[in-house]
Protein backbone atom coordinates (compact mmCIF):
# COMPACT_ATOMS: atom_id res chain seq x y z
CA UNK A 1 0.00 0.00 0.00
CA UNK A 2 2.75 2.47 0.90
CA UNK A 3 4.73 1.64 -2.22
CA UNK A 4 1.65 2.11 -4.37
CA UNK A 5 1.51 5.68 -3.06
CA UNK A 6 5.22 6.15 -3.76
CA UNK A 7 6.33 5.86 -0.12
CA UNK A 8 9.14 3.34 -0.56
CA UNK A 9 10.76 4.26 2.76
CA UNK A 10 7.73 3.06 4.71
CA UNK A 11 7.34 -0.06 2.60
CA UNK A 12 11.05 -0.86 3.02
CA UNK A 13 10.75 -0.38 6.80
CA UNK A 14 7.78 -2.73 6.98
CA UNK A 15 9.55 -5.28 4.78
CA UNK A 16 12.67 -5.12 6.96
CA UNK A 17 10.59 -5.83 10.07
CA UNK A 18 8.96 -8.94 8.62
CA UNK A 19 10.14 -12.04 10.46
CA UNK A 20 9.27 -14.35 7.57
CA UNK A 21 9.83 -13.09 4.04
CA UNK A 22 8.35 -15.40 1.43
CA UNK A 23 8.65 -15.05 -2.35
CA UNK A 24 5.50 -12.93 -2.51
CA UNK A 25 6.96 -10.37 -0.10
CA UNK A 26 10.23 -10.21 -2.05
CA UNK A 27 8.40 -9.95 -5.38
CA UNK A 28 6.20 -7.17 -4.02
CA UNK A 29 9.28 -5.17 -3.08
CA UNK A 30 10.88 -5.77 -6.48
CA UNK A 31 7.70 -4.63 -8.20
CA UNK A 32 7.30 -1.61 -5.91
CA UNK A 33 10.81 -0.40 -6.63
CA UNK A 34 10.54 -1.02 -10.36
CA UNK A 35 7.15 0.68 -10.65
CA UNK A 36 8.48 3.71 -8.79
CA UNK A 37 11.46 4.02 -11.14
CA UNK A 38 14.09 2.38 -8.91
CA UNK A 39 15.17 -0.34 -11.33
CA UNK A 40 18.57 -0.95 -9.75
CA UNK A 41 16.95 -1.45 -6.35
CA UNK A 42 14.55 -3.97 -7.88
CA UNK A 43 17.54 -5.93 -9.18
CA UNK A 44 19.25 -5.71 -5.79
CA UNK A 45 16.18 -7.25 -4.17
CA UNK A 46 16.59 -10.28 -6.44
CA UNK A 47 20.17 -10.72 -5.21
CA UNK A 48 19.10 -10.31 -1.59
CA UNK A 49 16.27 -12.79 -2.14
CA UNK A 50 18.68 -15.41 -3.45
CA UNK A 51 21.12 -14.77 -0.58
CA UNK A 52 18.25 -15.23 1.88
CA UNK A 53 17.61 -18.66 0.39
CA UNK A 54 14.16 -17.83 -0.97
CA UNK A 55 13.31 -19.52 -4.26
CA UNK A 56 13.11 -17.16 -7.20
CA UNK A 57 10.02 -17.65 -9.35
CA UNK A 58 8.64 -16.49 -12.69
CA UNK A 59 7.36 -13.26 -11.14
CA UNK A 60 10.83 -12.43 -9.81
CA UNK A 61 12.35 -12.97 -13.23
CA UNK A 62 9.68 -11.07 -15.12
CA UNK A 63 10.01 -8.02 -12.87
CA UNK A 64 13.80 -8.04 -13.03
CA UNK A 65 13.99 -8.65 -16.78
CA UNK A 66 11.70 -5.66 -17.25
CA UNK A 67 13.93 -3.59 -14.95
CA UNK A 68 17.06 -4.69 -16.84
CA UNK A 69 15.41 -3.74 -20.14
CA UNK A 70 14.49 -0.30 -18.84
CA UNK A 71 18.08 0.20 -17.69
CA UNK A 72 19.31 -1.16 -21.05
CA UNK A 73 21.86 -3.43 -19.35
CA UNK A 74 22.44 -6.30 -21.74
CA UNK A 75 24.89 -8.40 -19.72
CA UNK A 76 22.77 -8.41 -16.58
CA UNK A 77 19.68 -9.30 -18.60
CA UNK A 78 21.52 -12.20 -20.21
CA UNK A 79 22.64 -13.40 -16.78
CA UNK A 80 19.06 -13.22 -15.51
CA UNK A 81 17.82 -15.21 -18.48
CA UNK A 82 20.58 -17.77 -17.94
CA UNK A 83 19.53 -18.14 -14.32
CA UNK A 84 15.89 -18.53 -15.38
CA UNK A 85 16.91 -21.33 -17.76
CA UNK A 86 19.05 -22.98 -15.07
CA UNK A 87 16.17 -22.91 -12.58
CA UNK A 88 13.61 -24.12 -15.13
CA UNK A 89 11.57 -20.92 -15.29
CA UNK A 90 12.23 -20.43 -18.99
CA UNK A 91 9.40 -22.78 -19.92
CA UNK A 92 6.88 -20.58 -18.10
CA UNK A 93 4.93 -18.52 -20.68
CA UNK A 94 4.92 -15.51 -18.35
CA UNK A 95 8.70 -15.53 -18.08
CA UNK A 96 9.18 -16.17 -21.81
CA UNK A 97 7.01 -13.19 -22.69
CA UNK A 98 9.14 -10.95 -20.48
CA UNK A 99 12.36 -12.30 -21.94
CA UNK A 100 11.13 -11.74 -25.48
CA UNK A 101 10.17 -8.17 -24.57
CA UNK A 102 13.62 -7.70 -23.08
CA UNK A 103 15.31 -8.94 -26.27
CA UNK A 104 13.22 -6.62 -28.44
CA UNK A 105 14.01 -3.66 -26.20
CA UNK A 106 17.75 -4.40 -26.28
CA UNK A 107 17.70 -4.68 -30.08
CA UNK A 108 16.11 -1.27 -30.28
CA UNK A 109 12.87 -2.52 -31.85
């Protein structure tokens, strides 16, 4: 709710106080940062999520591929796609759609 209103500080504080952070909580923070123009922070949340031992899912990848495309960072986007393939998320239509959009954006189409 706070992030939807653009108050990322409050949403970050609430997230930090959560005792149990599941994939939905992590994905919500990635989405909140990305939707408020903080693409690098969204990507950092993916790294923190992995370090915390939470399984990354198709929503994590789709949000971060979109953030990488907006930042126009080819290498990071390729690494994300490689991780999605490694973890088996590449067969998910939702994730594939985001990857295809990323490729088109990076090609300048």
